[in-house]
């Protein structure tokens, strides 16, 4: 089933599938425009050159003169003018001239990620794509029969598109890995399946807009036809983005090693003096990928329980994993951090598109704003919520989404237990009143002799009630309440549960979290303190009661 994603979810899907460049106004679209003008006016036409240059720079202005749009406008203009001036096509010179004109008004633009990606893509196409296409085209047999000729045309089309895709990705992928910390593994496949539809959608949309100046009905008909290639792009992107390992994070050293090894193999294959058979690099890449995957996930699969505090900025999202079963406690954070995508990416990195249960401690955005995105990407079997404030708009929205995707809902008014793998969750019903923070759930996660306590955003008054009315053991790990607020993590709670470790999930905020008072109390309790704001995502693996 393909689910409707939010705008940010759609863009995240394009990123994971490796074609986010097609949803950004960039040089790609100016290239489409230049191709259309050449088709209409011819290659060696003064009219084509003049009209083309005017339209391309107007288009670049509408796009905000982004570096990629300027690069394409300069390069396309030089390519249009070169034949008229009797000059040979010199792509390296053209690329260098375009870079010069882009940097002339502002040399500091060299630090622009957009400019670096744009020029890296074109450089890769110039240096690699032609040779790759020639190599692959020479291997395609020539058939005389009509079906054979058709098959050859299809193979030629695929080979040329794949060569361009590989060339562009060869130089841009290292920049993407450096700046964004992840690499799409399905980019070539997605490009092959969608680039033809992207060009049709762009040119059809542009033609529809121009036709609308003459005939609105004709423009509406053309726009309706143009929408079908766009729908195909969305279908392919959303489908491929849901594949496990569609993209991998390079935060682990094992994946960094695999990435560097992959590039060494690719460079040897592309530029080595002695041609290497195709199956050798392919086999090497598959084997090293499996090795990186195994060693990075082995501790998690061997442990009785793995607890991961996801870095979602000023918010909270904690993933619990035990013997193939997963539970997520809260899914919120800064709107810029996309907490639903962060949690879904983590699950996909485990090779899973399923969540056994999602528990929300309370109805605040910093604990629940990522739920819509999470439900659009991941199959959630059970949603556990506090049975309070039925009029709350966020609660109503979450319940509506759960009904749409067929997720079972359990509203907690009394204490409950939930078993997953080798672990158990004790879910304590709300103990306070007066606000969402005080009316939230608290949870005790137990695996063998290891205990972790999650208190949501409850204040010190509700913490005292928790200590008084619930039988809490000495715990190993405390998820510090309310992101380290001075009014949470009371001395009474610390004396009752004596935690050895404490995690504070927080990011940039105006509340002073974590507060010095909370840190002092944790220090006095001799807790080892871990902060997501400084350490990023934090993982604890428990095996036999030890972590």
Protein backbone atom coordinates (compact mmCIF):
# COMPACT_ATOMS: atom_id res chain seq x y z
CA UNK A 1 0.00 0.00 0.00
CA UNK A 2 1.32 3.46 -0.93
CA UNK A 3 0.44 5.97 1.78
CA UNK A 4 0.07 9.71 1.37
CA UNK A 5 3.13 11.47 2.78
CA UNK A 6 3.42 14.98 4.12
CA UNK A 7 5.45 17.48 2.04
CA UNK A 8 8.49 16.93 4.28
CA UNK A 9 7.89 13.18 4.05
CA UNK A 10 7.83 13.32 0.26
CA UNK A 11 11.14 15.18 0.18
CA UNK A 12 12.66 12.69 2.65
CA UNK A 13 11.50 9.86 0.36
CA UNK A 14 13.22 11.55 -2.58
CA UNK A 15 16.40 11.82 -0.51
CA UNK A 16 16.38 8.14 0.48
CA UNK A 17 15.67 7.06 -3.08
CA UNK A 18 18.59 9.16 -4.34
CA UNK A 19 16.84 11.67 -6.61
CA UNK A 20 16.21 14.66 -4.35
CA UNK A 21 17.74 16.82 -7.07
CA UNK A 22 14.62 16.47 -9.20
CA UNK A 23 12.42 18.28 -6.65
CA UNK A 24 14.82 21.21 -6.33
CA UNK A 25 14.78 23.88 -9.03
CA UNK A 26 18.24 23.32 -10.45
CA UNK A 27 20.41 22.96 -13.50
CA UNK A 28 18.60 19.75 -14.43
CA UNK A 29 15.48 21.73 -15.31
CA UNK A 30 17.43 24.32 -17.27
CA UNK A 31 18.98 21.45 -19.20
CA UNK A 32 15.46 20.26 -20.06
CA UNK A 33 14.58 23.80 -21.15
CA UNK A 34 17.69 24.07 -23.34
CA UNK A 35 16.84 20.76 -25.00
CA UNK A 36 13.30 21.92 -25.76
CA UNK A 37 14.54 25.19 -27.31
CA UNK A 38 17.07 23.34 -29.43
CA UNK A 39 14.32 21.02 -30.63
CA UNK A 40 12.07 23.95 -31.53
CA UNK A 41 14.58 26.31 -33.17
CA UNK A 42 17.47 24.06 -34.20
CA UNK A 43 21.06 23.72 -33.02
CA UNK A 44 22.68 26.43 -35.10
CA UNK A 45 20.01 29.12 -34.92
CA UNK A 46 20.62 32.67 -33.72
CA UNK A 47 17.00 32.75 -32.64
CA UNK A 48 17.52 29.63 -30.57
CA UNK A 49 20.60 31.15 -28.93
CA UNK A 50 19.03 34.54 -28.14
CA UNK A 51 15.66 33.22 -26.98
CA UNK A 52 17.31 30.39 -25.12
CA UNK A 53 19.71 32.63 -23.21
CA UNK A 54 16.95 35.05 -22.24
CA UNK A 55 14.62 32.28 -21.07
CA UNK A 56 17.32 30.36 -19.20
CA UNK A 57 18.54 33.38 -17.25
CA UNK A 58 14.95 34.39 -16.56
CA UNK A 59 14.35 30.87 -15.25
CA UNK A 60 17.52 31.11 -13.13
CA UNK A 61 16.27 34.44 -11.72
CA UNK A 62 12.91 32.90 -10.82
CA UNK A 63 14.83 30.10 -9.08
CA UNK A 64 16.68 32.71 -7.00
CA UNK A 65 19.96 32.50 -8.95
CA UNK A 66 20.96 29.34 -7.14
CA UNK A 67 24.50 28.15 -7.99
CA UNK A 68 23.25 25.08 -9.86
CA UNK A 69 20.79 27.14 -11.92
CA UNK A 70 23.44 29.74 -12.76
CA UNK A 71 25.91 27.03 -13.71
CA UNK A 72 23.42 25.47 -16.10
CA UNK A 73 22.41 28.83 -17.57
CA UNK A 74 26.05 29.80 -18.26
CA UNK A 75 26.97 26.40 -19.68
CA UNK A 76 23.89 26.12 -21.87
CA UNK A 77 24.46 29.65 -23.19
CA UNK A 78 28.06 28.83 -24.11
CA UNK A 79 26.95 25.62 -25.79
CA UNK A 80 24.40 27.56 -27.86
CA UNK A 81 26.90 30.24 -28.83
CA UNK A 82 29.88 27.98 -29.62
CA UNK A 83 28.56 26.56 -32.94
CA UNK A 84 27.52 30.04 -34.11
CA UNK A 85 31.03 31.33 -33.45
CA UNK A 86 32.61 28.38 -35.21
CA UNK A 87 34.17 27.08 -32.03
CA UNK A 88 34.56 23.42 -31.08
CA UNK A 89 32.68 21.98 -28.15
CA UNK A 90 35.14 21.94 -25.24
CA UNK A 91 33.27 20.71 -22.19
CA UNK A 92 36.05 21.18 -19.57
CA UNK A 93 36.57 24.76 -20.76
CA UNK A 94 32.84 25.39 -20.73
CA UNK A 95 32.53 24.02 -17.19
CA UNK A 96 35.52 26.10 -16.02
CA UNK A 97 34.10 29.24 -17.61
CA UNK A 98 30.73 28.67 -15.97
CA UNK A 99 32.46 28.23 -12.60
CA UNK A 100 34.42 31.45 -13.19
CA UNK A 101 31.27 33.46 -13.93
CA UNK A 102 29.50 31.98 -10.89
CA UNK A 103 32.36 32.88 -8.54
CA UNK A 104 33.19 36.26 -10.08
CA UNK A 105 30.56 38.28 -8.13
CA UNK A 106 31.09 36.30 -4.91
CA UNK A 107 34.14 34.00 -4.51
CA UNK A 108 32.75 32.78 -1.17
CA UNK A 109 30.05 30.95 -3.14
CA UNK A 110 32.65 28.20 -3.54
CA UNK A 111 31.57 27.04 -0.08
CA UNK A 112 27.97 26.54 -1.27
CA UNK A 113 26.85 22.91 -1.06
CA UNK A 114 24.52 23.49 -4.00
CA UNK A 115 27.36 24.76 -6.18
CA UNK A 116 29.69 21.92 -5.20
CA UNK A 117 27.05 19.27 -5.92
CA UNK A 118 26.08 20.87 -9.23
CA UNK A 119 29.59 21.12 -10.61
CA UNK A 120 30.57 17.70 -9.24
CA UNK A 121 27.61 16.14 -11.07
CA UNK A 122 28.52 17.74 -14.39
CA UNK A 123 32.21 16.92 -13.98
CA UNK A 124 31.33 13.28 -13.35
CA UNK A 125 29.13 13.17 -16.44
CA UNK A 126 31.84 14.72 -18.60
CA UNK A 127 34.64 12.51 -17.33
CA UNK A 128 32.91 9.16 -16.94
CA UNK A 129 29.55 8.89 -18.65
CA UNK A 130 30.76 8.96 -22.25
CA UNK A 131 33.28 6.18 -21.74
CA UNK A 132 30.80 4.08 -19.77
CA UNK A 133 28.08 4.52 -22.39
CA UNK A 134 30.47 3.55 -25.20
CA UNK A 135 31.62 0.47 -23.28
CA UNK A 136 28.07 -0.69 -22.57
CA UNK A 137 26.73 0.12 -26.03
CA UNK A 138 29.46 -1.95 -27.66
CA UNK A 139 28.28 -4.95 -25.65
CA UNK A 140 24.67 -4.68 -26.89
CA UNK A 141 24.09 -7.05 -29.82
CA UNK A 142 22.52 -5.87 -33.06
CA UNK A 143 19.35 -7.70 -34.03
CA UNK A 144 17.72 -7.50 -37.45
CA UNK A 145 14.17 -8.49 -36.59
CA UNK A 146 11.65 -5.75 -35.52
CA UNK A 147 11.40 -7.02 -31.95
CA UNK A 148 15.17 -7.23 -31.76
CA UNK A 149 15.52 -3.64 -32.98
CA UNK A 150 13.01 -2.50 -30.39
CA UNK A 151 14.84 -4.42 -27.66
CA UNK A 152 18.13 -2.80 -28.74
CA UNK A 153 16.59 0.68 -28.57
CA UNK A 154 15.37 -0.01 -25.05
CA UNK A 155 18.77 -1.34 -23.97
CA UNK A 156 20.54 1.64 -25.58
CA UNK A 157 18.19 4.01 -23.72
CA UNK A 158 18.82 2.25 -20.42
CA UNK A 159 22.60 2.09 -20.96
CA UNK A 160 22.84 5.80 -21.79
CA UNK A 161 20.68 6.82 -18.83
CA UNK A 162 22.56 4.55 -16.46
CA UNK A 163 25.90 5.92 -17.69
CA UNK A 164 24.76 9.49 -17.03
CA UNK A 165 23.42 8.50 -13.61
CA UNK A 166 26.63 6.74 -12.58
CA UNK A 167 28.71 9.66 -13.79
CA UNK A 168 26.68 12.19 -11.83
CA UNK A 169 26.60 10.08 -8.67
CA UNK A 170 30.31 9.24 -8.80
CA UNK A 171 31.41 12.72 -7.72
CA UNK A 172 28.30 13.96 -5.91
CA UNK A 173 27.91 11.00 -3.53
CA UNK A 174 31.05 11.81 -1.49
CA UNK A 175 29.77 15.37 -0.98
CA UNK A 176 26.35 14.06 0.06
CA UNK A 177 27.98 11.60 2.46
CA UNK A 178 30.13 14.37 3.95
CA UNK A 179 27.35 16.90 4.40
CA UNK A 180 24.34 14.70 5.12
CA UNK A 181 25.90 11.60 6.71
CA UNK A 182 23.99 9.07 4.60
CA UNK A 183 24.16 7.46 1.18
CA UNK A 184 21.31 6.23 -0.99
CA UNK A 185 21.93 2.73 -2.32
CA UNK A 186 19.04 2.76 -4.77
CA UNK A 187 19.81 6.01 -6.60
CA UNK A 188 20.81 4.41 -9.93
CA UNK A 189 17.68 2.26 -9.99
CA UNK A 190 15.39 5.18 -9.13
CA UNK A 191 17.02 7.38 -11.77
CA UNK A 192 16.55 4.71 -14.41
CA UNK A 193 12.88 4.34 -13.60
CA UNK A 194 11.97 8.00 -13.24
CA UNK A 195 14.21 10.45 -15.13
CA UNK A 196 12.24 10.07 -18.36
CA UNK A 197 9.06 10.88 -16.44
CA UNK A 198 10.71 13.85 -14.71
CA UNK A 199 11.63 15.42 -18.05
CA UNK A 200 8.15 14.74 -19.45
CA UNK A 201 6.52 16.28 -16.38
CA UNK A 202 8.73 19.39 -16.48
CA UNK A 203 8.36 20.04 -20.19
CA UNK A 204 4.66 19.17 -20.13
CA UNK A 205 4.06 21.50 -17.20
CA UNK A 206 5.98 24.32 -18.89
CA UNK A 207 4.08 23.82 -22.14
CA UNK A 208 0.77 23.71 -20.24
CA UNK A 209 1.54 27.03 -18.58
CA UNK A 210 2.36 28.67 -21.92
CA UNK A 211 -0.66 27.11 -23.59
CA UNK A 212 -2.85 28.50 -20.82
CA UNK A 213 -2.16 31.98 -22.20
CA UNK A 214 -3.97 30.95 -25.38
CA UNK A 215 -6.51 28.27 -24.45
CA UNK A 216 -7.43 27.29 -20.91
CA UNK A 217 -9.27 24.06 -21.87
CA UNK A 218 -6.36 22.82 -23.99
CA UNK A 219 -3.93 23.69 -21.21
CA UNK A 220 -6.06 21.81 -18.67
CA UNK A 221 -6.11 18.72 -20.88
CA UNK A 222 -2.33 18.81 -21.37
CA UNK A 223 -1.81 19.37 -17.63
CA UNK A 224 -3.99 16.33 -16.87
CA UNK A 225 -1.88 14.21 -19.21
CA UNK A 226 1.33 15.64 -17.74
CA UNK A 227 0.24 14.69 -14.23
CA UNK A 228 0.50 10.97 -15.00
CA UNK A 229 4.31 10.92 -15.36
CA UNK A 230 4.50 12.91 -12.11
CA UNK A 231 2.30 10.33 -10.39
CA UNK A 232 4.60 7.60 -11.69
CA UNK A 233 7.60 9.39 -10.15
CA UNK A 234 5.85 9.62 -6.78
CA UNK A 235 4.80 5.98 -6.92
CA UNK A 236 8.32 4.77 -7.70
CA UNK A 237 9.96 7.04 -5.12
CA UNK A 238 7.60 6.11 -2.29
CA UNK A 239 7.90 2.41 -3.11
CA UNK A 240 11.69 2.32 -3.38
CA UNK A 241 12.21 4.59 -0.35
CA UNK A 242 10.46 1.97 1.79
CA UNK A 243 12.99 -0.72 0.90
CA UNK A 244 15.13 -1.79 3.88
CA UNK A 245 18.61 -0.32 3.41
CA UNK A 246 17.43 2.03 0.63
CA UNK A 247 19.88 4.40 2.31
CA UNK A 248 22.56 3.77 4.93
CA UNK A 249 23.86 6.12 7.59
CA UNK A 250 27.62 6.64 7.73
CA UNK A 251 27.68 7.36 11.45
CA UNK A 252 29.16 3.91 12.06
CA UNK A 253 32.83 3.38 11.30
CA UNK A 254 31.99 0.08 9.61
CA UNK A 255 29.83 1.84 7.03
CA UNK A 256 32.49 4.50 6.48
CA UNK A 257 35.00 1.73 5.73
CA UNK A 258 32.55 0.11 3.30
CA UNK A 259 31.95 3.46 1.59
CA UNK A 260 35.67 4.17 1.13
CA UNK A 261 36.31 0.62 -0.07
CA UNK A 262 33.45 0.94 -2.55
CA UNK A 263 34.95 4.07 -4.05
CA UNK A 264 38.37 2.54 -4.38
CA UNK A 265 36.86 -0.44 -6.25
CA UNK A 266 34.74 1.82 -8.49
CA UNK A 267 37.71 4.05 -9.37
CA UNK A 268 39.85 1.03 -10.22
CA UNK A 269 37.03 -0.37 -12.33
CA UNK A 270 36.44 2.91 -14.18
CA UNK A 271 39.95 4.26 -14.60
CA UNK A 272 42.27 1.28 -14.17
CA UNK A 273 44.55 0.51 -17.10
CA UNK A 274 43.53 -3.12 -17.05
CA UNK A 275 39.82 -3.72 -17.48
CA UNK A 276 38.28 -5.58 -14.55
CA UNK A 277 35.44 -7.99 -15.19
CA UNK A 278 32.09 -6.74 -13.95
CA UNK A 279 31.42 -9.60 -11.55
CA UNK A 280 34.62 -8.91 -9.54
CA UNK A 281 33.70 -5.41 -8.23
CA UNK A 282 30.04 -6.35 -7.88
CA UNK A 283 30.91 -9.41 -5.78
CA UNK A 284 33.39 -7.45 -3.67
CA UNK A 285 30.85 -4.70 -2.97
CA UNK A 286 28.11 -7.15 -2.00
CA UNK A 287 30.41 -9.12 0.31
CA UNK A 288 31.76 -6.01 2.06
CA UNK A 289 28.23 -4.60 2.38
CA UNK A 290 27.09 -7.80 4.10
CA UNK A 291 30.15 -7.72 6.35
CA UNK A 292 29.54 -4.08 7.37
CA UNK A 293 25.88 -4.85 8.01
CA UNK A 294 26.70 -7.90 10.12
CA UNK A 295 29.35 -6.33 12.34
CA UNK A 296 27.32 -3.14 12.89
CA UNK A 297 24.15 -4.99 13.93
CA UNK A 298 25.71 -8.04 15.62
CA UNK A 299 25.82 -6.54 19.16
CA UNK A 300 22.16 -5.56 18.93
CA UNK A 301 21.03 -8.97 17.70
CA UNK A 302 23.05 -10.74 20.39
CA UNK A 303 21.83 -8.62 23.31
CA UNK A 304 18.70 -9.23 25.34
CA UNK A 305 17.70 -5.58 25.01
CA UNK A 306 18.98 -2.58 23.11
CA UNK A 307 17.87 0.91 24.13
CA UNK A 308 18.55 3.78 21.73
CA UNK A 309 17.94 7.41 22.61
CA UNK A 310 17.49 8.99 19.18
CA UNK A 311 18.89 12.46 18.60
CA UNK A 312 15.75 14.41 17.69
CA UNK A 313 16.81 17.78 19.02
CA UNK A 314 14.62 19.29 21.73
CA UNK A 315 12.32 16.33 22.12
CA UNK A 316 12.25 12.65 22.95
CA UNK A 317 12.20 9.39 20.99
CA UNK A 318 13.51 6.12 22.40
CA UNK A 319 13.73 2.86 20.45
CA UNK A 320 13.64 -0.44 22.37
CA UNK A 321 14.75 -3.63 20.57
CA UNK A 322 14.66 -7.19 21.91
CA UNK A 323 15.05 -10.39 19.89
CA UNK A 324 13.47 -9.08 16.72
CA UNK A 325 10.75 -7.03 18.46
CA UNK A 326 10.68 -3.24 18.52
CA UNK A 327 8.91 -0.63 20.64
CA UNK A 328 9.22 3.13 20.21
CA UNK A 329 8.54 5.37 23.20
CA UNK A 330 7.58 8.86 22.01
CA UNK A 331 8.29 10.34 18.60
CA UNK A 332 8.77 14.06 18.85
CA UNK A 333 11.37 16.77 18.60
CA UNK A 334 12.21 19.92 16.71
CA UNK A 335 10.21 20.31 13.51
CA UNK A 336 13.52 20.68 11.66
CA UNK A 337 14.75 17.31 12.96
CA UNK A 338 11.93 15.23 11.38
CA UNK A 339 11.64 12.82 14.36
CA UNK A 340 9.32 10.48 12.43
CA UNK A 341 11.89 10.13 9.67
CA UNK A 342 14.71 9.64 12.18
CA UNK A 343 12.86 6.78 13.87
CA UNK A 344 11.82 5.22 10.55
CA UNK A 345 15.39 5.46 9.23
CA UNK A 346 16.65 3.70 12.35
CA UNK A 347 14.16 0.87 11.86
CA UNK A 348 15.06 0.56 8.18
CA UNK A 349 18.72 0.32 9.19
CA UNK A 350 17.68 -2.78 11.16
CA UNK A 351 16.11 -4.19 8.01
CA UNK A 352 12.61 -3.68 9.42
CA UNK A 353 9.54 -1.79 8.27
CA UNK A 354 7.50 -2.90 11.29
CA UNK A 355 7.06 -1.58 14.81
CA UNK A 356 5.39 -3.80 17.41
CA UNK A 357 4.22 -0.88 19.52
CA UNK A 358 4.41 2.90 19.69
CA UNK A 359 3.95 4.38 23.17
CA UNK A 360 3.29 8.11 23.62
CA UNK A 361 3.80 9.37 27.14
CA UNK A 362 1.69 12.50 26.53
CA UNK A 363 0.25 14.78 23.87
CA UNK A 364 2.91 17.41 23.33
CA UNK A 365 4.65 18.10 20.02
CA UNK A 366 8.14 17.47 21.41
CA UNK A 367 7.00 13.91 22.16
CA UNK A 368 4.52 13.24 19.34
CA UNK A 369 4.97 15.58 16.34
CA UNK A 370 6.71 12.85 14.31
CA UNK A 371 3.82 10.35 14.55
CA UNK A 372 2.19 11.26 11.19
CA UNK A 373 5.45 10.74 9.31
CA UNK A 374 6.23 7.54 11.21
CA UNK A 375 2.80 6.03 10.46
CA UNK A 376 3.18 6.91 6.78
CA UNK A 377 6.44 4.96 6.51
CA UNK A 378 6.27 2.18 9.10
CA UNK A 379 3.63 -0.47 9.88
CA UNK A 380 2.73 -0.05 13.56
CA UNK A 381 0.78 -2.89 15.17
CA UNK A 382 -0.21 -1.20 18.43
CA UNK A 383 -0.49 2.41 19.57
CA UNK A 384 -0.47 2.95 23.36
CA UNK A 385 -1.76 6.31 24.63
CA UNK A 386 -2.81 7.87 27.95
CA UNK A 387 -6.60 7.99 28.26
CA UNK A 388 -6.77 11.70 29.13
CA UNK A 389 -7.90 15.00 27.52
CA UNK A 390 -10.18 13.53 24.82
CA UNK A 391 -10.68 17.06 23.45
CA UNK A 392 -6.94 17.51 22.75
CA UNK A 393 -6.43 18.24 19.03
CA UNK A 394 -3.14 16.31 18.82
CA UNK A 395 -4.76 13.24 20.40
CA UNK A 396 -7.65 13.45 17.94
CA UNK A 397 -5.26 13.77 14.99
CA UNK A 398 -3.20 10.76 16.12
CA UNK A 399 -6.32 8.62 16.62
CA UNK A 400 -7.57 9.59 13.16
CA UNK A 401 -4.25 8.61 11.55
CA UNK A 402 -4.19 5.32 13.48
CA UNK A 403 -7.66 4.48 12.17
CA UNK A 404 -6.63 5.32 8.60
CA UNK A 405 -3.67 2.92 8.66
CA UNK A 406 -5.48 0.19 10.61
CA UNK A 407 -3.37 0.45 13.77
CA UNK A 408 -4.81 -0.99 16.99
CA UNK A 409 -5.10 1.58 19.80
CA UNK A 410 -4.88 0.92 23.53
CA UNK A 411 -5.87 3.81 25.83
CA UNK A 412 -4.26 3.48 29.27
CA UNK A 413 -6.32 4.42 32.30
CA UNK A 414 -4.89 1.71 34.58
CA UNK A 415 -1.44 0.18 34.91
CA UNK A 416 -0.59 -2.28 32.16
CA UNK A 417 2.18 -4.61 31.00
CA UNK A 418 3.54 -5.28 27.53
CA UNK A 419 5.98 -8.08 26.64
CA UNK A 420 8.32 -7.92 23.65
CA UNK A 421 11.17 -10.35 23.01
CA UNK A 422 13.13 -10.89 26.24
CA UNK A 423 11.91 -7.60 27.73
CA UNK A 424 8.82 -6.30 29.50
CA UNK A 425 7.30 -2.83 29.75
CA UNK A 426 5.44 -1.83 32.89
CA UNK A 427 3.23 1.06 31.85
CA UNK A 428 2.08 3.26 34.72
CA UNK A 429 -1.18 5.16 34.25
CA UNK A 430 -1.22 8.97 34.70
CA UNK A 431 -0.72 10.04 38.30
CA UNK A 432 -1.17 13.80 38.03
CA UNK A 433 -3.52 16.43 36.69
CA UNK A 434 -3.45 20.00 35.53
CA UNK A 435 -1.62 19.60 32.21
CA UNK A 436 -0.33 17.17 29.61
CA UNK A 437 3.07 16.85 31.32
CA UNK A 438 1.50 15.81 34.60
CA UNK A 439 -1.10 13.53 32.97
CA UNK A 440 1.40 11.46 31.03
CA UNK A 441 2.45 7.82 31.18
CA UNK A 442 5.66 6.59 32.77
CA UNK A 443 7.36 3.32 31.87
CA UNK A 444 9.70 0.78 33.44
CA UNK A 445 11.52 -1.42 30.92
CA UNK A 446 12.99 -4.63 32.34
CA UNK A 447 15.24 -7.28 30.77
CA UNK A 448 16.79 -9.84 33.12
CA UNK A 449 18.27 -7.75 35.95
CA UNK A 450 18.43 -4.53 33.96
CA UNK A 451 15.83 -1.79 34.55
CA UNK A 452 15.31 1.51 32.73
CA UNK A 453 12.80 4.17 33.79
CA UNK A 454 11.18 6.69 31.42
CA UNK A 455 9.18 9.44 33.11
CA UNK A 456 8.18 11.61 30.16
CA UNK A 457 7.80 15.25 31.19
CA UNK A 458 6.37 14.75 34.69
CA UNK A 459 7.40 17.26 37.35
CA UNK A 460 8.75 16.58 40.84
CA UNK A 461 5.27 16.46 42.40
CA UNK A 462 4.19 13.59 40.12
CA UNK A 463 7.58 11.92 40.61
CA UNK A 464 6.91 11.76 44.35
CA UNK A 465 3.56 10.09 43.63
CA UNK A 466 5.32 7.60 41.37
CA UNK A 467 7.75 6.74 44.17
CA UNK A 468 4.96 6.51 46.75
CA UNK A 469 2.39 4.44 44.87
CA UNK A 470 4.51 2.25 42.56
CA UNK A 471 6.98 -0.42 43.55
CA UNK A 472 10.08 0.82 41.74
CA UNK A 473 13.32 -1.21 41.86
CA UNK A 474 16.85 0.13 41.87
CA UNK A 475 17.37 0.98 38.21
CA UNK A 476 20.35 0.99 35.92
CA UNK A 477 19.24 3.69 33.47
CA UNK A 478 17.09 6.79 33.95
CA UNK A 479 15.69 8.84 31.09
CA UNK A 480 15.79 12.22 32.77
CA UNK A 481 12.37 13.84 32.96
CA UNK A 482 11.35 16.91 30.94
CA UNK A 483 14.69 17.11 29.08
CA UNK A 484 16.55 18.03 32.25
CA UNK A 485 14.16 20.67 33.60
CA UNK A 486 14.96 22.03 37.05
CA UNK A 487 11.48 20.95 38.18
CA UNK A 488 12.05 17.27 37.32
CA UNK A 489 14.48 14.54 38.41
CA UNK A 490 13.86 15.27 42.06
CA UNK A 491 16.11 14.18 44.88
CA UNK A 492 13.32 11.92 46.14
CA UNK A 493 13.19 10.04 42.84
CA UNK A 494 16.97 9.66 42.64
CA UNK A 495 17.17 8.34 46.22
CA UNK A 496 14.35 5.85 45.52
CA UNK A 497 15.69 4.34 42.29
CA UNK A 498 19.47 5.04 42.59
CA UNK A 499 20.22 5.10 38.82
CA UNK A 500 23.72 4.32 37.61
CA UNK A 501 23.30 6.08 34.25
CA UNK A 502 21.13 8.97 33.07
CA UNK A 503 20.22 10.09 29.55
CA UNK A 504 19.07 13.62 28.80
CA UNK A 505 17.34 14.05 25.45
CA UNK A 506 17.49 17.70 24.49
CA UNK A 507 18.62 20.10 21.79
CA UNK A 508 18.72 23.83 21.16
CA UNK A 509 16.04 25.46 23.32
CA UNK A 510 15.09 28.64 25.17
CA UNK A 511 14.17 26.83 28.39
CA UNK A 512 17.66 26.30 29.76
CA UNK A 513 17.48 22.50 29.40
CA UNK A 514 19.29 20.71 30.87
CA UNK A 515 19.13 22.94 33.94
CA UNK A 516 22.18 23.25 36.21
CA UNK A 517 20.02 22.21 39.19
CA UNK A 518 19.08 18.89 37.52
CA UNK A 519 22.70 18.23 36.55
CA UNK A 520 23.85 18.92 40.10
CA UNK A 521 21.32 16.45 41.52
CA UNK A 522 22.42 13.80 39.01
CA UNK A 523 26.05 14.46 39.87
CA UNK A 524 25.33 14.14 43.58
CA UNK A 525 23.65 10.79 42.84
CA UNK A 526 26.89 9.70 41.10
CA UNK A 527 25.16 9.06 37.77
CA UNK A 528 27.04 8.76 34.50
CA UNK A 529 25.34 11.43 32.38
CA UNK A 530 24.77 11.10 28.62
CA UNK A 531 23.42 14.03 26.56
CA UNK A 532 22.04 13.63 23.04
CA UNK A 533 22.76 17.33 22.44
CA UNK A 534 26.49 16.57 22.71
CA UNK A 535 26.77 12.88 21.79
CA UNK A 536 23.99 12.49 19.23
CA UNK A 537 22.12 9.19 19.17
CA UNK A 538 23.06 7.03 22.18
CA UNK A 539 22.71 3.24 22.30
CA UNK A 540 22.88 0.85 25.26
CA UNK A 541 23.07 -2.90 24.64
CA UNK A 542 22.10 -5.16 27.55
CA UNK A 543 23.18 -8.79 27.66
CA UNK A 544 22.49 -10.90 30.72
CA UNK A 545 21.70 -7.87 32.87
CA UNK A 546 24.89 -5.95 32.02
CA UNK A 547 25.31 -3.06 29.58
